[in-house]
PDB file of N, CA and C in Angstrom:
ATOM      1  N   MET A   1     166.306-191.652 -92.536  1.00  0.00           N
ATOM      2  CA  MET A   1     165.544-192.558 -91.710  1.00  0.00           C
ATOM      3  C   MET A   1     164.909-191.760 -90.573  1.00  0.00           C
ATOM      4  N   ILE A   2     163.674-192.103 -90.255  1.00  0.00           N
ATOM      5  CA  ILE A   2     162.951-191.448 -89.170  1.00  0.00           C
ATOM      6  C   ILE A   2     162.561-192.512 -88.153  1.00  0.00           C
ATOM      7  N   LYS A   3     163.078-192.357 -86.935  1.00  0.00           N
ATOM      8  CA  LYS A   3     162.771-193.289 -85.854  1.00  0.00           C
ATOM      9  C   LYS A   3     161.800-192.627 -84.885  1.00  0.00           C
ATOM     10  N   ILE A   4     161.161-193.455 -84.088  1.00  0.00           N
ATOM     11  CA  ILE A   4     160.324-192.993 -82.979  1.00  0.00           C
ATOM     12  C   ILE A   4     160.847-193.657 -81.718  1.00  0.00           C
ATOM     13  N   LYS A   5     160.972-192.859 -80.664  1.00  0.00           N
ATOM     14  CA  LYS A   5     161.547-193.393 -79.433  1.00  0.00           C
ATOM     15  C   LYS A   5     160.980-192.639 -78.235  1.00  0.00           C
ATOM     16  N   ARG A   6     160.879-193.311 -77.113  1.00  0.00           N
ATOM     17  CA  ARG A   6     160.483-192.627 -75.885  1.00  0.00           C
ATOM     18  C   ARG A   6     161.663-191.809 -75.374  1.00  0.00           C
ATOM     19  N   VAL A   7     161.403-190.623 -74.900  1.00  0.00           N
ATOM     20  CA  VAL A   7     162.455-189.744 -74.404  1.00  0.00           C
ATOM     21  C   VAL A   7     163.140-190.351 -73.172  1.00  0.00           C
ATOM     22  N   TYR A   8     162.456-191.254 -72.487  1.00  0.00           N
ATOM     23  CA  TYR A   8     163.010-191.908 -71.302  1.00  0.00           C
ATOM     24  C   TYR A   8     163.952-193.055 -71.649  1.00  0.00           C
ATOM     25  N   ASP A   9     163.924-193.511 -72.887  1.00  0.00           N
ATOM     26  CA  ASP A   9     164.827-194.578 -73.315  1.00  0.00           C
ATOM     27  C   ASP A   9     166.249-194.029 -73.398  1.00  0.00           C
ATOM     28  N   ASN A  10     167.205-194.928 -73.313  1.00  0.00           N
ATOM     29  CA  ASN A  10     168.609-194.514 -73.346  1.00  0.00           C
ATOM     30  C   ASN A  10     168.965-193.814 -74.656  1.00  0.00           C
ATOM     31  N   TYR A  11     169.776-192.783 -74.533  1.00  0.00           N
ATOM     32  CA  TYR A  11     170.313-192.065 -75.682  1.00  0.00           C
ATOM     33  C   TYR A  11     171.255-192.985 -76.455  1.00  0.00           C
ATOM     34  N   SER A  12     171.233-192.834 -77.765  1.00  0.00           N
ATOM     35  CA  SER A  12     172.156-193.579 -78.612  1.00  0.00           C
ATOM     36  C   SER A  12     172.679-192.636 -79.691  1.00  0.00           C
ATOM     37  N   GLU A  13     173.925-192.775 -80.041  1.00  0.00           N
ATOM     38  CA  GLU A  13     174.476-191.945 -81.112  1.00  0.00           C
ATOM     39  C   GLU A  13     173.787-192.221 -82.441  1.00  0.00           C
ATOM     40  N   THR A  14     173.160-193.384 -82.566  1.00  0.00           N
ATOM     41  CA  THR A  14     172.446-193.709 -83.806  1.00  0.00           C
ATOM     42  C   THR A  14     171.094-192.997 -83.893  1.00  0.00           C
ATOM     43  N   ASP A  15     170.719-192.266 -82.847  1.00  0.00           N
ATOM     44  CA  ASP A  15     169.463-191.506 -82.867  1.00  0.00           C
ATOM     45  C   ASP A  15     169.513-190.354 -83.866  1.00  0.00           C
ATOM     46  N   GLY A  16     170.693-189.899 -84.177  1.00  0.00           N
ATOM     47  CA  GLY A  16     170.800-188.741 -85.059  1.00  0.00           C
ATOM     48  C   GLY A  16     170.268-187.496 -84.372  1.00  0.00           C
ATOM     49  N   HIS A  17     169.564-186.664 -85.113  1.00  0.00           N
ATOM     50  CA  HIS A  17     168.985-185.425 -84.590  1.00  0.00           C
ATOM     51  C   HIS A  17     167.724-185.775 -83.810  1.00  0.00           C
ATOM     52  N   ARG A  18     167.696-185.430 -82.536  1.00  0.00           N
ATOM     53  CA  ARG A  18     166.591-185.813 -81.645  1.00  0.00           C
ATOM     54  C   ARG A  18     165.595-184.656 -81.513  1.00  0.00           C
ATOM     55  N   ILE A  19     164.335-184.926 -81.885  1.00  0.00           N
ATOM     56  CA  ILE A  19     163.303-183.896 -81.891  1.00  0.00           C
ATOM     57  C   ILE A  19     162.157-184.322 -80.976  1.00  0.00           C
ATOM     58  N   LEU A  20     161.892-183.517 -79.952  1.00  0.00           N
ATOM     59  CA  LEU A  20     160.766-183.782 -79.060  1.00  0.00           C
ATOM     60  C   LEU A  20     159.484-183.343 -79.745  1.00  0.00           C
ATOM     61  N   VAL A  21     158.528-184.263 -79.845  1.00  0.00           N
ATOM     62  CA  VAL A  21     157.254-183.973 -80.518  1.00  0.00           C
ATOM     63  C   VAL A  21     156.083-184.128 -79.545  1.00  0.00           C
ATOM     64  N   ASP A  22     156.249-183.582 -78.357  1.00  0.00           N
ATOM     65  CA  ASP A  22     155.192-183.501 -77.360  1.00  0.00           C
ATOM     66  C   ASP A  22     154.962-182.037 -77.027  1.00  0.00           C
ATOM     67  N   ARG A  23     153.739-181.698 -76.698  1.00  0.00           N
ATOM     68  CA  ARG A  23     153.404-180.312 -76.371  1.00  0.00           C
ATOM     69  C   ARG A  23     153.946-179.916 -75.002  1.00  0.00           C
ATOM     70  N   LEU A  24     154.015-180.875 -74.072  1.00  0.00           N
ATOM     71  CA  LEU A  24     154.492-180.606 -72.718  1.00  0.00           C
ATOM     72  C   LEU A  24     155.854-181.252 -72.502  1.00  0.00           C
ATOM     73  N   TRP A  25     156.681-180.608 -71.661  1.00  0.00           N
ATOM     74  CA  TRP A  25     157.989-181.176 -71.344  1.00  0.00           C
ATOM     75  C   TRP A  25     157.784-182.467 -70.544  1.00  0.00           C
ATOM     76  N   PRO A  26     158.538-183.523 -70.836  1.00  0.00           N
ATOM     77  CA  PRO A  26     158.389-184.798 -70.131  1.00  0.00           C
ATOM     78  C   PRO A  26     158.701-184.676 -68.635  1.00  0.00           C
ATOM     79  N   ARG A  27     157.880-185.300 -67.837  1.00  0.00           N
ATOM     80  CA  ARG A  27     158.073-185.255 -66.384  1.00  0.00           C
ATOM     81  C   ARG A  27     159.316-186.019 -65.958  1.00  0.00           C
ATOM     82  N   GLY A  28     159.993-185.448 -64.978  1.00  0.00           N
ATOM     83  CA  GLY A  28     161.089-186.147 -64.329  1.00  0.00           C
ATOM     84  C   GLY A  28     162.366-186.259 -65.129  1.00  0.00           C
ATOM     85  N   ILE A  29     162.494-185.476 -66.179  1.00  0.00           N
ATOM     86  CA  ILE A  29     163.726-185.537 -66.978  1.00  0.00           C
ATOM     87  C   ILE A  29     164.259-184.121 -67.182  1.00  0.00           C
ATOM     88  N   SER A  30     165.537-183.951 -66.938  1.00  0.00           N
ATOM     89  CA  SER A  30     166.133-182.629 -67.108  1.00  0.00           C
ATOM     90  C   SER A  30     166.458-182.395 -68.580  1.00  0.00           C
ATOM     91  N   LYS A  31     166.573-181.132 -68.943  1.00  0.00           N
ATOM     92  CA  LYS A  31     166.905-180.813 -70.330  1.00  0.00           C
ATOM     93  C   LYS A  31     168.283-181.360 -70.706  1.00  0.00           C
ATOM     94  N   GLU A  32     169.204-181.379 -69.745  1.00  0.00           N
ATOM     95  CA  GLU A  32     170.549-181.897 -70.021  1.00  0.00           C
ATOM     96  C   GLU A  32     170.512-183.398 -70.285  1.00  0.00           C
ATOM     97  N   ASN A  33     169.748-184.133 -69.483  1.00  0.00           N
ATOM     98  CA  ASN A  33     169.692-185.597 -69.633  1.00  0.00           C
ATOM     99  C   ASN A  33     168.865-186.040 -70.835  1.00  0.00           C
ATOM    100  N   ALA A  34     167.958-185.205 -71.281  1.00  0.00           N
ATOM    101  CA  ALA A  34     167.091-185.581 -72.407  1.00  0.00           C
ATOM    102  C   ALA A  34     167.842-185.605 -73.734  1.00  0.00           C
ATOM    103  N   LYS A  35     168.895-184.818 -73.841  1.00  0.00           N
ATOM    104  CA  LYS A  35     169.694-184.738 -75.073  1.00  0.00           C
ATOM    105  C   LYS A  35     168.793-184.484 -76.291  1.00  0.00           C
ATOM    106  N   ILE A  36     168.003-183.440 -76.179  1.00  0.00           N
ATOM    107  CA  ILE A  36     167.088-183.064 -77.248  1.00  0.00           C
ATOM    108  C   ILE A  36     167.712-181.941 -78.059  1.00  0.00           C
ATOM    109  N   ASP A  37     167.727-182.118 -79.372  1.00  0.00           N
ATOM    110  CA  ASP A  37     168.285-181.099 -80.255  1.00  0.00           C
ATOM    111  C   ASP A  37     167.264-180.025 -80.595  1.00  0.00           C
ATOM    112  N   LEU A  38     165.985-180.401 -80.616  1.00  0.00           N
ATOM    113  CA  LEU A  38     164.944-179.462 -81.011  1.00  0.00           C
ATOM    114  C   LEU A  38     163.625-179.889 -80.385  1.00  0.00           C
ATOM    115  N   TRP A  39     162.855-178.891 -79.952  1.00  0.00           N
ATOM    116  CA  TRP A  39     161.519-179.157 -79.402  1.00  0.00           C
ATOM    117  C   TRP A  39     160.543-178.324 -80.200  1.00  0.00           C
ATOM    118  N   ILE A  40     159.689-178.993 -80.960  1.00  0.00           N
ATOM    119  CA  ILE A  40     158.716-178.288 -81.793  1.00  0.00           C
ATOM    120  C   ILE A  40     157.313-178.594 -81.265  1.00  0.00           C
ATOM    121  N   LYS A  41     156.855-177.755 -80.354  1.00  0.00           N
ATOM    122  CA  LYS A  41     155.530-177.946 -79.747  1.00  0.00           C
ATOM    123  C   LYS A  41     154.419-177.790 -80.774  1.00  0.00           C
ATOM    124  N   GLU A  42     154.632-176.886 -81.728  1.00  0.00           N
ATOM    125  CA  GLU A  42     153.582-176.539 -82.690  1.00  0.00           C
ATOM    126  C   GLU A  42     153.198-177.688 -83.626  1.00  0.00           C
ATOM    127  N   ILE A  43     154.071-178.677 -83.771  1.00  0.00           N
ATOM    128  CA  ILE A  43     153.788-179.778 -84.694  1.00  0.00           C
ATOM    129  C   ILE A  43     152.999-180.890 -84.006  1.00  0.00           C
ATOM    130  N   THR A  44     152.800-180.775 -82.712  1.00  0.00           N
ATOM    131  CA  THR A  44     152.070-181.798 -81.968  1.00  0.00           C
ATOM    132  C   THR A  44     150.564-181.551 -82.053  1.00  0.00           C
ATOM    133  N   PRO A  45     149.765-182.561 -81.727  1.00  0.00           N
ATOM    134  CA  PRO A  45     148.314-182.343 -81.742  1.00  0.00           C
ATOM    135  C   PRO A  45     147.929-181.212 -80.784  1.00  0.00           C
ATOM    136  N   SER A  46     146.962-180.430 -81.190  1.00  0.00           N
ATOM    137  CA  SER A  46     146.477-179.341 -80.338  1.00  0.00           C
ATOM    138  C   SER A  46     145.913-179.915 -79.042  1.00  0.00           C
ATOM    139  N   THR A  47     145.808-179.069 -78.047  1.00  0.00           N
ATOM    140  CA  THR A  47     145.249-179.497 -76.769  1.00  0.00           C
ATOM    141  C   THR A  47     143.835-180.041 -76.958  1.00  0.00           C
ATOM    142  N   ASP A  48     143.028-179.349 -77.760  1.00  0.00           N
ATOM    143  CA  ASP A  48     141.655-179.806 -77.997  1.00  0.00           C
ATOM    144  C   ASP A  48     141.629-181.185 -78.659  1.00  0.00           C
ATOM    145  N   LEU A  49     142.481-181.385 -79.656  1.00  0.00           N
ATOM    146  CA  LEU A  49     142.511-182.674 -80.347  1.00  0.00           C
ATOM    147  C   LEU A  49     143.014-183.775 -79.419  1.00  0.00           C
ATOM    148  N   ARG A  50     144.016-183.457 -78.638  1.00  0.00           N
ATOM    149  CA  ARG A  50     144.568-184.432 -77.696  1.00  0.00           C
ATOM    150  C   ARG A  50     143.500-184.866 -76.687  1.00  0.00           C
ATOM    151  N   LYS A  51     142.764-183.897 -76.135  1.00  0.00           N
ATOM    152  CA  LYS A  51     141.700-184.218 -75.171  1.00  0.00           C
ATOM    153  C   LYS A  51     140.588-185.016 -75.845  1.00  0.00           C
ATOM    154  N   TRP A  52     140.229-184.623 -77.059  1.00  0.00           N
ATOM    155  CA  TRP A  52     139.191-185.349 -77.794  1.00  0.00           C
ATOM    156  C   TRP A  52     139.604-186.809 -77.984  1.00  0.00           C
ATOM    157  N   TYR A  53     140.866-187.013 -78.386  1.00  0.00           N
ATOM    158  CA  TYR A  53     141.331-188.376 -78.639  1.00  0.00           C
ATOM    159  C   TYR A  53     141.331-189.222 -77.362  1.00  0.00           C
ATOM    160  N   HIS A  54     141.737-188.645 -76.248  1.00  0.00           N
ATOM    161  CA  HIS A  54     141.740-189.404 -74.994  1.00  0.00           C
ATOM    162  C   HIS A  54     140.335-189.819 -74.579  1.00  0.00           C
ATOM    163  N   ASP A  55     139.327-189.075 -75.017  1.00  0.00           N
ATOM    164  CA  ASP A  55     137.935-189.444 -74.745  1.00  0.00           C
ATOM    165  C   ASP A  55     137.372-190.389 -75.806  1.00  0.00           C
ATOM    166  N   ASN A  56     138.108-190.553 -76.920  1.00  0.00           N
ATOM    167  CA  ASN A  56     137.616-191.350 -78.057  1.00  0.00           C
ATOM    168  C   ASN A  56     138.722-192.250 -78.610  1.00  0.00           C
ATOM    169  N   LEU A  57     139.344-193.021 -77.762  1.00  0.00           N
ATOM    170  CA  LEU A  57     140.485-193.847 -78.179  1.00  0.00           C
ATOM    171  C   LEU A  57     140.136-194.838 -79.279  1.00  0.00           C
ATOM    172  N   ASP A  58     138.880-195.147 -79.437  1.00  0.00           N
ATOM    173  CA  ASP A  58     138.460-196.087 -80.470  1.00  0.00           C
ATOM    174  C   ASP A  58     138.371-195.436 -81.853  1.00  0.00           C
ATOM    175  N   LYS A  59     138.619-194.149 -81.942  1.00  0.00           N
ATOM    176  CA  LYS A  59     138.472-193.427 -83.209  1.00  0.00           C
ATOM    177  C   LYS A  59     139.837-192.989 -83.759  1.00  0.00           C
ATOM    178  N   GLN A  60     140.741-193.962 -83.900  1.00  0.00           N
ATOM    179  CA  GLN A  60     142.094-193.666 -84.378  1.00  0.00           C
ATOM    180  C   GLN A  60     142.108-193.052 -85.774  1.00  0.00           C
ATOM    181  N   GLU A  61     141.319-193.595 -86.671  1.00  0.00           N
ATOM    182  CA  GLU A  61     141.308-193.079 -88.056  1.00  0.00           C
ATOM    183  C   GLU A  61     140.864-191.625 -88.098  1.00  0.00           C
ATOM    184  N   GLU A  62     139.838-191.309 -87.337  1.00  0.00           N
ATOM    185  CA  GLU A  62     139.352-189.928 -87.308  1.00  0.00           C
ATOM    186  C   GLU A  62     140.406-188.999 -86.696  1.00  0.00           C
ATOM    187  N   PHE A  63     141.070-189.476 -85.638  1.00  0.00           N
ATOM    188  CA  PHE A  63     142.155-188.697 -85.040  1.00  0.00           C
ATOM    189  C   PHE A  63     143.246-188.424 -86.072  1.00  0.00           C
ATOM    190  N   GLN A  64     143.639-189.450 -86.804  1.00  0.00           N
ATOM    191  CA  GLN A  64     144.696-189.291 -87.804  1.00  0.00           C
ATOM    192  C   GLN A  64     144.328-188.227 -88.829  1.00  0.00           C
ATOM    193  N   LYS A  65     143.105-188.270 -89.312  1.00  0.00           N
ATOM    194  CA  LYS A  65     142.658-187.283 -90.304  1.00  0.00           C
ATOM    195  C   LYS A  65     142.684-185.873 -89.728  1.00  0.00           C
ATOM    196  N   LYS A  66     142.198-185.727 -88.508  1.00  0.00           N
ATOM    197  CA  LYS A  66     142.180-184.407 -87.870  1.00  0.00           C
ATOM    198  C   LYS A  66     143.598-183.902 -87.620  1.00  0.00           C
ATOM    199  N   TYR A  67     144.474-184.806 -87.210  1.00  0.00           N
ATOM    200  CA  TYR A  67     145.853-184.412 -86.930  1.00  0.00           C
ATOM    201  C   TYR A  67     146.589-184.025 -88.212  1.00  0.00           C
ATOM    202  N   ILE A  68     146.345-184.726 -89.290  1.00  0.00           N
ATOM    203  CA  ILE A  68     146.968-184.360 -90.572  1.00  0.00           C
ATOM    204  C   ILE A  68     146.554-182.958 -90.988  1.00  0.00           C
ATOM    205  N   VAL A  69     145.297-182.606 -90.765  1.00  0.00           N
ATOM    206  CA  VAL A  69     144.836-181.241 -91.057  1.00  0.00           C
ATOM    207  C   VAL A  69     145.636-180.242 -90.228  1.00  0.00           C
ATOM    208  N   GLU A  70     145.855-180.545 -88.951  1.00  0.00           N
ATOM    209  CA  GLU A  70     146.642-179.650 -88.099  1.00  0.00           C
ATOM    210  C   GLU A  70     148.096-179.562 -88.563  1.00  0.00           C
ATOM    211  N   ILE A  71     148.665-180.679 -88.931  1.00  0.00           N
ATOM    212  CA  ILE A  71     150.051-180.668 -89.433  1.00  0.00           C
ATOM    213  C   ILE A  71     150.150-179.786 -90.670  1.00  0.00           C
ATOM    214  N   ASP A  72     149.207-179.940 -91.585  1.00  0.00           N
ATOM    215  CA  ASP A  72     149.224-179.153 -92.824  1.00  0.00           C
ATOM    216  C   ASP A  72     149.115-177.654 -92.556  1.00  0.00           C
ATOM    217  N   LYS A  73     148.436-177.282 -91.487  1.00  0.00           N
ATOM    218  CA  LYS A  73     148.337-175.865 -91.114  1.00  0.00           C
ATOM    219  C   LYS A  73     149.642-175.356 -90.511  1.00  0.00           C
ATOM    220  N   ASN A  74     150.458-176.274 -90.011  1.00  0.00           N
ATOM    221  CA  ASN A  74     151.750-175.926 -89.417  1.00  0.00           C
ATOM    222  C   ASN A  74     152.875-176.125 -90.419  1.00  0.00           C
ATOM    223  N   PHE A  75     152.718-175.543 -91.560  1.00  0.00           N
ATOM    224  CA  PHE A  75     153.644-175.696 -92.672  1.00  0.00           C
ATOM    225  C   PHE A  75     155.086-175.365 -92.272  1.00  0.00           C
ATOM    226  N   ASP A  76     155.285-174.281 -91.515  1.00  0.00           N
ATOM    227  CA  ASP A  76     156.641-173.877 -91.121  1.00  0.00           C
ATOM    228  C   ASP A  76     157.323-174.920 -90.247  1.00  0.00           C
ATOM    229  N   SER A  77     156.598-175.439 -89.271  1.00  0.00           N
ATOM    230  CA  SER A  77     157.180-176.453 -88.379  1.00  0.00           C
ATOM    231  C   SER A  77     157.525-177.724 -89.147  1.00  0.00           C
ATOM    232  N   LEU A  78     156.628-178.133 -90.028  1.00  0.00           N
ATOM    233  CA  LEU A  78     156.875-179.322 -90.837  1.00  0.00           C
ATOM    234  C   LEU A  78     158.103-179.119 -91.721  1.00  0.00           C
ATOM    235  N   ASN A  79     158.213-177.952 -92.320  1.00  0.00           N
ATOM    236  CA  ASN A  79     159.371-177.652 -93.165  1.00  0.00           C
ATOM    237  C   ASN A  79     160.667-177.617 -92.372  1.00  0.00           C
ATOM    238  N   ASN A  80     160.622-177.143 -91.120  1.00  0.00           N
ATOM    239  CA  ASN A  80     161.826-177.148 -90.279  1.00  0.00           C
ATOM    240  C   ASN A  80     162.335-178.574 -90.087  1.00  0.00           C
ATOM    241  N   ILE A  81     161.430-179.488 -89.848  1.00  0.00           N
ATOM    242  CA  ILE A  81     161.830-180.886 -89.670  1.00  0.00           C
ATOM    243  C   ILE A  81     162.337-181.461 -90.985  1.00  0.00           C
ATOM    244  N   LYS A  82     161.681-181.127 -92.091  1.00  0.00           N
ATOM    245  CA  LYS A  82     162.127-181.631 -93.399  1.00  0.00           C
ATOM    246  C   LYS A  82     163.527-181.129 -93.747  1.00  0.00           C
ATOM    247  N   LYS A  83     163.832-179.883 -93.399  1.00  0.00           N
ATOM    248  CA  LYS A  83     165.178-179.348 -93.644  1.00  0.00           C
ATOM    249  C   LYS A  83     166.216-180.125 -92.851  1.00  0.00           C
ATOM    250  N   ILE A  84     165.899-180.412 -91.605  1.00  0.00           N
ATOM    251  CA  ILE A  84     166.815-181.202 -90.779  1.00  0.00           C
ATOM    252  C   ILE A  84     166.996-182.591 -91.383  1.00  0.00           C
ATOM    253  N   LEU A  85     165.903-183.178 -91.814  1.00  0.00           N
ATOM    254  CA  LEU A  85     165.956-184.512 -92.416  1.00  0.00           C
ATOM    255  C   LEU A  85     166.818-184.524 -93.673  1.00  0.00           C
ATOM    256  N   ASN A  86     166.788-183.441 -94.430  1.00  0.00           N
ATOM    257  CA  ASN A  86     167.621-183.351 -95.631  1.00  0.00           C
ATOM    258  C   ASN A  86     169.106-183.275 -95.300  1.00  0.00           C
ATOM    259  N   ASN A  87     169.439-182.783 -94.091  1.00  0.00           N
ATOM    260  CA  ASN A  87     170.837-182.614 -93.700  1.00  0.00           C
ATOM    261  C   ASN A  87     171.343-183.706 -92.765  1.00  0.00           C
ATOM    262  N   GLN A  88     170.459-184.560 -92.293  1.00  0.00           N
ATOM    263  CA  GLN A  88     170.826-185.627 -91.357  1.00  0.00           C
ATOM    264  C   GLN A  88     170.432-186.978 -91.944  1.00  0.00           C
ATOM    265  N   LYS A  89     171.238-187.975 -91.691  1.00  0.00           N
ATOM    266  CA  LYS A  89     170.866-189.318 -92.134  1.00  0.00           C
ATOM    267  C   LYS A  89     169.690-189.851 -91.343  1.00  0.00           C
ATOM    268  N   THR A  90     169.668-189.507 -90.059  1.00  0.00           N
ATOM    269  CA  THR A  90     168.651-190.042 -89.164  1.00  0.00           C
ATOM    270  C   THR A  90     168.113-188.937 -88.265  1.00  0.00           C
ATOM    271  N   ILE A  91     166.801-188.950 -88.057  1.00  0.00           N
ATOM    272  CA  ILE A  91     166.210-188.145 -86.999  1.00  0.00           C
ATOM    273  C   ILE A  91     165.369-189.079 -86.136  1.00  0.00           C
ATOM    274  N   THR A  92     165.259-188.735 -84.879  1.00  0.00           N
ATOM    275  CA  THR A  92     164.439-189.514 -83.958  1.00  0.00           C
ATOM    276  C   THR A  92     163.386-188.596 -83.363  1.00  0.00           C
ATOM    277  N   LEU A  93     162.126-188.984 -83.558  1.00  0.00           N
ATOM    278  CA  LEU A  93     161.011-188.260 -82.966  1.00  0.00           C
ATOM    279  C   LEU A  93     160.833-188.804 -81.555  1.00  0.00           C
ATOM    280  N   LEU A  94     160.960-187.926 -80.578  1.00  0.00           N
ATOM    281  CA  LEU A  94     160.888-188.333 -79.179  1.00  0.00           C
ATOM    282  C   LEU A  94     159.546-187.960 -78.572  1.00  0.00           C
ATOM    283  N   THR A  95     159.047-188.845 -77.730  1.00  0.00           N
ATOM    284  CA  THR A  95     157.790-188.602 -77.040  1.00  0.00           C
ATOM    285  C   THR A  95     157.860-189.185 -75.637  1.00  0.00           C
ATOM    286  N   ALA A  96     157.083-188.617 -74.727  1.00  0.00           N
ATOM    287  CA  ALA A  96     157.031-189.113 -73.356  1.00  0.00           C
ATOM    288  C   ALA A  96     155.906-190.111 -73.164  1.00  0.00           C
ATOM    289  N   SER A  97     155.178-190.406 -74.211  1.00  0.00           N
ATOM    290  CA  SER A  97     154.037-191.318 -74.129  1.00  0.00           C
ATOM    291  C   SER A  97     154.457-192.670 -73.559  1.00  0.00           C
ATOM    292  N   LYS A  98     153.557-193.272 -72.798  1.00  0.00           N
ATOM    293  CA  LYS A  98     153.811-194.616 -72.277  1.00  0.00           C
ATOM    294  C   LYS A  98     153.849-195.635 -73.405  1.00  0.00           C
ATOM    295  N   ASP A  99     153.135-195.340 -74.463  1.00  0.00           N
ATOM    296  CA  ASP A  99     153.124-196.186 -75.654  1.00  0.00           C
ATOM    297  C   ASP A  99     154.432-195.953 -76.411  1.00  0.00           C
ATOM    298  N   SER A 100     155.137-197.009 -76.766  1.00  0.00           N
ATOM    299  CA  SER A 100     156.426-196.840 -77.451  1.00  0.00           C
ATOM    300  C   SER A 100     156.271-196.274 -78.861  1.00  0.00           C
ATOM    301  N   LYS A 101     155.086-196.418 -79.453  1.00  0.00           N
ATOM    302  CA  LYS A 101     154.814-195.865 -80.783  1.00  0.00           C
ATOM    303  C   LYS A 101     153.466-195.132 -80.734  1.00  0.00           C
ATOM    304  N   PRO A 102     153.445-193.952 -80.120  1.00  0.00           N
ATOM    305  CA  PRO A 102     152.171-193.227 -80.014  1.00  0.00           C
ATOM    306  C   PRO A 102     151.657-192.796 -81.380  1.00  0.00           C
ATOM    307  N   ILE A 103     150.357-192.771 -81.516  1.00  0.00           N
ATOM    308  CA  ILE A 103     149.726-192.530 -82.806  1.00  0.00           C
ATOM    309  C   ILE A 103     150.152-191.193 -83.411  1.00  0.00           C
ATOM    310  N   HIS A 104     150.307-190.142 -82.610  1.00  0.00           N
ATOM    311  CA  HIS A 104     150.664-188.854 -83.203  1.00  0.00           C
ATOM    312  C   HIS A 104     152.074-188.893 -83.804  1.00  0.00           C
ATOM    313  N   ALA A 105     152.980-189.611 -83.171  1.00  0.00           N
ATOM    314  CA  ALA A 105     154.336-189.721 -83.713  1.00  0.00           C
ATOM    315  C   ALA A 105     154.349-190.550 -84.991  1.00  0.00           C
ATOM    316  N   ILE A 106     153.528-191.584 -85.047  1.00  0.00           N
ATOM    317  CA  ILE A 106     153.443-192.408 -86.252  1.00  0.00           C
ATOM    318  C   ILE A 106     152.869-191.598 -87.418  1.00  0.00           C
ATOM    319  N   VAL A 107     151.818-190.827 -87.150  1.00  0.00           N
ATOM    320  CA  VAL A 107     151.219-189.987 -88.201  1.00  0.00           C
ATOM    321  C   VAL A 107     152.251-188.979 -88.706  1.00  0.00           C
ATOM    322  N   LEU A 108     152.984-188.347 -87.795  1.00  0.00           N
ATOM    323  CA  LEU A 108     154.008-187.375 -88.197  1.00  0.00           C
ATOM    324  C   LEU A 108     155.115-188.052 -88.982  1.00  0.00           C
ATOM    325  N   GLN A 109     155.551-189.215 -88.542  1.00  0.00           N
ATOM    326  CA  GLN A 109     156.581-189.971 -89.260  1.00  0.00           C
ATOM    327  C   GLN A 109     156.133-190.268 -90.689  1.00  0.00           C
ATOM    328  N   GLN A 110     154.912-190.744 -90.847  1.00  0.00           N
ATOM    329  CA  GLN A 110     154.386-191.060 -92.179  1.00  0.00           C
ATOM    330  C   GLN A 110     154.305-189.808 -93.046  1.00  0.00           C
ATOM    331  N   LYS A 111     153.886-188.711 -92.461  1.00  0.00           N
ATOM    332  CA  LYS A 111     153.785-187.454 -93.211  1.00  0.00           C
ATOM    333  C   LYS A 111     155.167-187.010 -93.691  1.00  0.00           C
ATOM    334  N   LEU A 112     156.168-187.144 -92.855  1.00  0.00           N
ATOM    335  CA  LEU A 112     157.521-186.744 -93.231  1.00  0.00           C
ATOM    336  C   LEU A 112     158.133-187.664 -94.276  1.00  0.00           C
ATOM    337  N   GLU A 113     157.749-188.929 -94.251  1.00  0.00           N
ATOM    338  CA  GLU A 113     158.309-189.892 -95.202  1.00  0.00           C
ATOM    339  C   GLU A 113     157.709-189.764 -96.600  1.00  0.00           C
ATOM    340  N   ARG A 114     156.595-189.087 -96.723  1.00  0.00           N
ATOM    341  CA  ARG A 114     155.973-188.907 -98.036  1.00  0.00           C
ATOM    342  C   ARG A 114     156.705-187.885 -98.855  1.00  0.00           C
TER     343      ARG A 114
END
């Protein structure tokens, strides 16, 4: 099972392996309190793509396609998460986004579930 959760939400033992999927460390949270097992910056949208999307929020489909191309180029990072998923019942993709289900985490979740 792959969950998506805000890093600011309370930790739960049902989270399983917790993976931060943001390029930047979340503001106002210490590494000890975050309870993050792995931080894979490389699997997140590139800075250019992230900036493009913030200027074009109405173009979700195009963002998804561009992000999938980036994920596919990051074969090693994707495989690292897949290996963890094979050894864990549950992983939780963590993000600092104000949105509880940010589009990049949803795209990554769907890619991993395929």
